[in-house]
Protein backbone atom coordinates (compact mmCIF):
# COMPACT_ATOMS: atom_id res chain seq x y z
CA UNK A 1 0.00 0.00 -0.02
CA UNK A 2 1.32 3.42 -0.89
CA UNK A 3 2.02 5.57 2.15
CA UNK A 4 3.37 8.81 0.74
CA UNK A 5 1.75 11.64 -1.15
CA UNK A 6 3.26 14.92 -2.18
CA UNK A 7 1.03 18.05 -2.23
CA UNK A 8 1.26 21.12 -4.52
CA UNK A 9 2.54 23.33 -1.74
CA UNK A 10 5.53 23.68 0.62
CA UNK A 11 4.17 20.82 2.69
CA UNK A 12 3.96 17.14 1.99
CA UNK A 13 1.96 14.53 3.89
CA UNK A 14 2.81 10.93 4.69
CA UNK A 15 -0.07 8.64 5.61
CA UNK A 16 0.09 5.39 7.54
CA UNK A 17 -2.26 3.34 9.72
CA UNK A 18 -1.04 2.74 13.29
CA UNK A 19 -1.78 -1.00 12.82
CA UNK A 20 1.09 -1.09 10.27
CA UNK A 21 3.72 0.53 12.54
CA UNK A 22 2.89 -0.49 16.11
CA UNK A 23 3.11 -4.27 15.98
CA UNK A 24 0.57 -4.34 18.82
CA UNK A 25 -2.22 -6.96 18.68
CA UNK A 26 -5.79 -5.56 18.35
CA UNK A 27 -6.61 -6.98 21.79
CA UNK A 28 -3.88 -4.98 23.57
CA UNK A 29 -4.75 -1.41 22.68
CA UNK A 30 -4.79 0.22 26.14
CA UNK A 31 -2.06 2.74 26.87
CA UNK A 32 0.85 1.82 29.17
CA UNK A 33 0.11 2.27 32.86
CA UNK A 34 1.82 5.40 34.26
CA UNK A 35 4.12 5.22 37.18
CA UNK A 36 2.94 5.90 40.75
CA UNK A 37 4.17 9.45 40.45
CA UNK A 38 2.09 10.12 37.34
CA UNK A 39 -1.40 11.66 37.46
CA UNK A 40 -4.35 9.46 36.69
CA UNK A 41 -4.66 10.80 33.14
CA UNK A 42 -2.21 12.53 30.87
CA UNK A 43 -0.88 13.71 28.54
CA UNK A 44 2.31 12.43 30.26
CA UNK A 45 5.92 13.32 30.36
CA UNK A 46 8.35 10.57 29.37
CA UNK A 47 9.58 10.46 33.05
CA UNK A 48 6.11 9.40 34.13
CA UNK A 49 5.74 6.14 32.19
CA UNK A 50 7.70 2.90 32.54
CA UNK A 51 7.74 2.01 28.81
CA UNK A 52 6.49 3.22 25.46
CA UNK A 53 3.68 0.68 25.49
CA UNK A 54 1.25 0.46 22.51
CA UNK A 55 2.25 3.80 21.06
CA UNK A 56 3.94 4.94 17.87
CA UNK A 57 7.27 6.56 18.27
CA UNK A 58 7.20 9.97 16.48
CA UNK A 59 10.22 11.47 18.23
CA UNK A 60 9.02 14.10 20.65
CA UNK A 61 5.55 12.49 20.77
CA UNK A 62 4.67 8.86 21.47
CA UNK A 63 1.18 8.54 20.04
CA UNK A 64 -1.27 5.87 21.31
CA UNK A 65 -2.63 3.47 18.68
CA UNK A 66 -6.24 2.42 18.05
CA UNK A 67 -7.63 0.00 15.46
CA UNK A 68 -8.22 1.91 12.23
CA UNK A 69 -6.44 5.03 13.38
CA UNK A 70 -4.46 6.62 10.45
CA UNK A 71 -1.67 9.05 10.84
CA UNK A 72 -0.83 11.81 8.43
CA UNK A 73 2.61 13.42 8.92
CA UNK A 74 3.03 16.96 7.70
CA UNK A 75 6.55 17.40 6.30
CA UNK A 76 8.19 20.64 5.08
CA UNK A 77 9.54 19.90 1.61
CA UNK A 78 12.44 22.33 1.89
CA UNK A 79 13.76 21.25 5.28
CA UNK A 80 12.30 17.78 5.31
CA UNK A 81 11.29 18.34 8.94
CA UNK A 82 8.08 16.89 10.28
CA UNK A 83 5.96 19.80 11.53
CA UNK A 84 2.87 18.04 12.81
CA UNK A 85 0.82 14.85 12.97
CA UNK A 86 -2.87 14.40 12.30
CA UNK A 87 -4.65 11.23 13.58
CA UNK A 88 -7.80 10.34 11.65
CA UNK A 89 -10.57 8.03 12.80
CA UNK A 90 -14.14 7.56 11.49
CA UNK A 91 -14.64 11.07 10.17
CA UNK A 92 -12.77 12.85 13.00
CA UNK A 93 -9.32 14.28 13.04
CA UNK A 94 -6.94 15.18 15.89
CA UNK A 95 -3.90 17.30 14.92
CA UNK A 96 -1.09 17.41 17.48
CA UNK A 97 2.09 19.41 17.97
CA UNK A 98 4.43 19.70 20.96
CA UNK A 99 6.37 22.86 21.84
CA UNK A 100 9.02 23.92 24.31
CA UNK A 101 7.76 25.90 27.30
CA UNK A 102 9.57 27.88 30.01
CA UNK A 103 10.45 26.35 33.41
CA UNK A 104 8.46 29.16 35.09
CA UNK A 105 5.08 27.90 34.03
CA UNK A 106 2.61 26.92 31.32
CA UNK A 107 1.62 28.92 28.23
CA UNK A 108 -1.83 27.50 27.38
CA UNK A 109 -3.68 30.47 28.85
CA UNK A 110 -1.65 32.86 26.81
CA UNK A 111 -1.81 30.75 23.64
CA UNK A 112 -5.55 30.30 24.00
CA UNK A 113 -6.02 34.03 24.20
CA UNK A 114 -3.99 34.61 21.04
CA UNK A 115 -5.84 31.91 19.09
CA UNK A 116 -9.18 33.45 20.06
CA UNK A 117 -8.07 36.95 19.04
CA UNK A 118 -6.74 35.77 15.72
CA UNK A 119 -9.79 33.78 14.78
CA UNK A 120 -12.09 36.56 15.80
CA UNK A 121 -10.11 38.94 13.61
CA UNK A 122 -10.54 36.58 10.69
CA UNK A 123 -14.33 36.59 11.11
CA UNK A 124 -14.68 33.47 13.20
CA UNK A 125 -16.38 32.96 16.51
CA UNK A 126 -14.72 31.55 19.61
CA UNK A 127 -16.03 30.41 22.98
CA UNK A 128 -13.55 29.76 25.90
CA UNK A 129 -15.24 26.98 27.81
CA UNK A 130 -14.35 24.31 30.34
CA UNK A 131 -13.66 20.96 28.61
CA UNK A 132 -12.22 17.51 29.02
CA UNK A 133 -8.65 18.85 29.49
CA UNK A 134 -9.47 22.08 31.31
CA UNK A 135 -10.17 25.30 29.42
CA UNK A 136 -10.53 24.87 25.63
CA UNK A 137 -11.79 26.87 22.63
CA UNK A 138 -14.81 25.98 20.65
CA UNK A 139 -14.31 27.74 17.31
CA UNK A 140 -16.25 28.22 14.11
CA UNK A 141 -13.81 29.12 11.39
CA UNK A 142 -14.81 30.76 8.06
CA UNK A 143 -14.20 28.35 5.14
CA UNK A 144 -15.40 27.62 1.62
CA UNK A 145 -16.99 24.59 0.12
CA UNK A 146 -15.61 22.81 -2.93
CA UNK A 147 -17.97 24.98 -4.98
CA UNK A 148 -16.56 28.09 -3.51
CA UNK A 149 -19.52 28.93 -1.30
CA UNK A 150 -19.03 30.47 2.13
CA UNK A 151 -19.16 27.90 4.97
CA UNK A 152 -18.09 27.47 8.57
CA UNK A 153 -15.66 24.78 9.88
CA UNK A 154 -16.01 23.87 13.55
CA UNK A 155 -12.90 23.03 15.56
CA UNK A 156 -11.94 22.42 19.18
CA UNK A 157 -8.52 23.70 20.40
CA UNK A 158 -7.33 21.76 23.42
CA UNK A 159 -3.99 22.06 25.27
CA UNK A 160 -1.91 20.70 28.13
CA UNK A 161 0.95 22.31 29.94
CA UNK A 162 3.68 19.77 30.86
CA UNK A 163 7.15 20.22 32.50
CA UNK A 164 9.00 22.47 30.06
CA UNK A 165 6.70 21.54 27.22
CA UNK A 166 3.22 22.31 25.86
CA UNK A 167 1.03 20.01 23.84
CA UNK A 168 -1.63 21.42 21.62
CA UNK A 169 -4.39 19.52 19.87
CA UNK A 170 -7.05 20.54 17.31
CA UNK A 171 -10.15 18.35 16.90
CA UNK A 172 -12.03 18.70 13.64
CA UNK A 173 -14.62 16.79 11.67
CA UNK A 174 -17.24 14.92 13.78
CA UNK A 175 -15.17 15.21 16.92
CA UNK A 176 -15.58 18.99 16.90
CA UNK A 177 -19.38 18.76 17.24
CA UNK A 178 -20.18 15.33 18.59
CA UNK A 179 -19.07 14.42 22.13
CA UNK A 180 -19.35 10.68 21.51
CA UNK A 181 -17.37 10.84 18.29
CA UNK A 182 -14.64 12.87 20.12
CA UNK A 183 -14.07 10.27 22.87
CA UNK A 184 -11.65 7.94 20.98
CA UNK A 185 -9.39 10.88 19.92
CA UNK A 186 -9.70 12.48 23.40
CA UNK A 187 -8.39 9.15 24.72
CA UNK A 188 -5.51 9.36 22.16
CA UNK A 189 -4.66 12.87 23.40
CA UNK A 190 -4.96 11.89 27.08
CA UNK A 191 -2.43 9.10 26.69
CA UNK A 192 0.21 10.86 24.58
CA UNK A 193 3.70 10.81 26.04
CA UNK A 194 5.88 13.88 25.35
CA UNK A 195 9.68 13.30 25.10
CA UNK A 196 11.34 16.65 25.83
CA UNK A 197 15.04 16.59 25.12
CA UNK A 198 17.44 18.28 27.55
CA UNK A 199 18.56 21.00 25.07
CA UNK A 200 17.79 24.61 25.98
CA UNK A 201 14.91 25.78 23.73
CA UNK A 202 13.13 29.11 23.44
CA UNK A 203 9.46 28.95 24.49
CA UNK A 204 7.17 27.79 21.62
CA UNK A 205 9.95 26.14 19.77
CA UNK A 206 8.53 23.13 17.95
CA UNK A 207 9.80 19.91 19.42
CA UNK A 208 11.32 17.53 16.84
CA UNK A 209 8.97 14.94 15.30
CA UNK A 210 10.03 12.05 13.15
CA UNK A 211 8.29 9.67 10.70
CA UNK A 212 7.10 6.28 11.96
CA UNK A 213 9.63 3.48 11.37
CA UNK A 214 7.43 1.49 8.98
CA UNK A 215 6.68 4.63 6.96
CA UNK A 216 10.42 5.31 6.62
CA UNK A 217 11.00 1.82 5.43
CA UNK A 218 8.37 1.98 2.74
CA UNK A 219 9.87 5.12 1.16
CA UNK A 220 8.31 7.80 -0.97
CA UNK A 221 6.10 8.02 -4.05
CA UNK A 222 4.77 4.48 -3.78
CA UNK A 223 1.27 5.57 -4.71
CA UNK A 224 -1.77 7.20 -3.11
CA UNK A 225 -2.48 6.59 0.62
CA UNK A 226 -5.75 5.42 2.09
CA UNK A 227 -8.45 8.09 1.76
CA UNK A 228 -8.94 9.99 5.00
CA UNK A 229 -10.53 13.33 5.86
CA UNK A 230 -8.22 16.22 5.33
CA UNK A 231 -7.08 18.00 8.48
CA UNK A 232 -6.75 21.78 8.66
CA UNK A 233 -3.25 23.00 9.17
CA UNK A 234 -3.08 25.26 12.17
CA UNK A 235 -0.20 27.23 13.54
CA UNK A 236 -1.72 29.05 16.51
CA UNK A 237 1.56 29.40 18.37
CA UNK A 238 2.71 32.32 16.21
CA UNK A 239 1.07 35.69 16.55
CA UNK A 240 -1.45 36.32 13.82
CA UNK A 241 -1.64 32.67 12.61
CA UNK A 242 -3.11 31.75 9.24
CA UNK A 243 -5.85 29.12 9.32
CA UNK A 244 -5.64 27.07 6.10
CA UNK A 245 -6.33 23.58 4.78
CA UNK A 246 -3.59 21.21 3.63
CA UNK A 247 -3.97 20.96 -0.11
């Protein structure tokens, strides 16, 4: 099966199902138990788990696997760096990125305010509400249909402040409007392990992601990947972000 597709932009995407890279039997899909020092639910720091468990190693992020979950890695063509990962499942998408954060405290409150201000400026609407992982943003983002008609794309922005890192997720598709549809991807987010290296990094510096091992072995340009819903490409950690779709 072909796992790599190049797009007509500065980004490329590589698509792979987690069943192909995890080597974990379908009956053993629960995330690794955290250590006694870890909270009951994550996301977790790598110091809080005893092993990778049934997760895909993406460098700075160990992503839990679920049957049928498909990953799409966003790769910058010029630098060949992986800039984000989108996990798709049954019409829902979770896009995840991990960033450096200062020792002094978290940045989610500040980031959330900036995202809200930017989306409002672009004509969208944003509600800052309590959610599964604390405060989150329920957004309605201006978009266009394939026919060019004005439309609205709902999205949920979720975040978690860890020790010297920040994990940001964006739920779109069914998960943005249906609480039941969101539960599997919320579980994925809750069981992510972030691996923060010891290098000094400025706050909001993107932590390094890598391609899954199986995807690297299969190579490029082997043909079209499995069809999955396209995930919007968000960069809310820069001031005045653009909200676009991967094309």
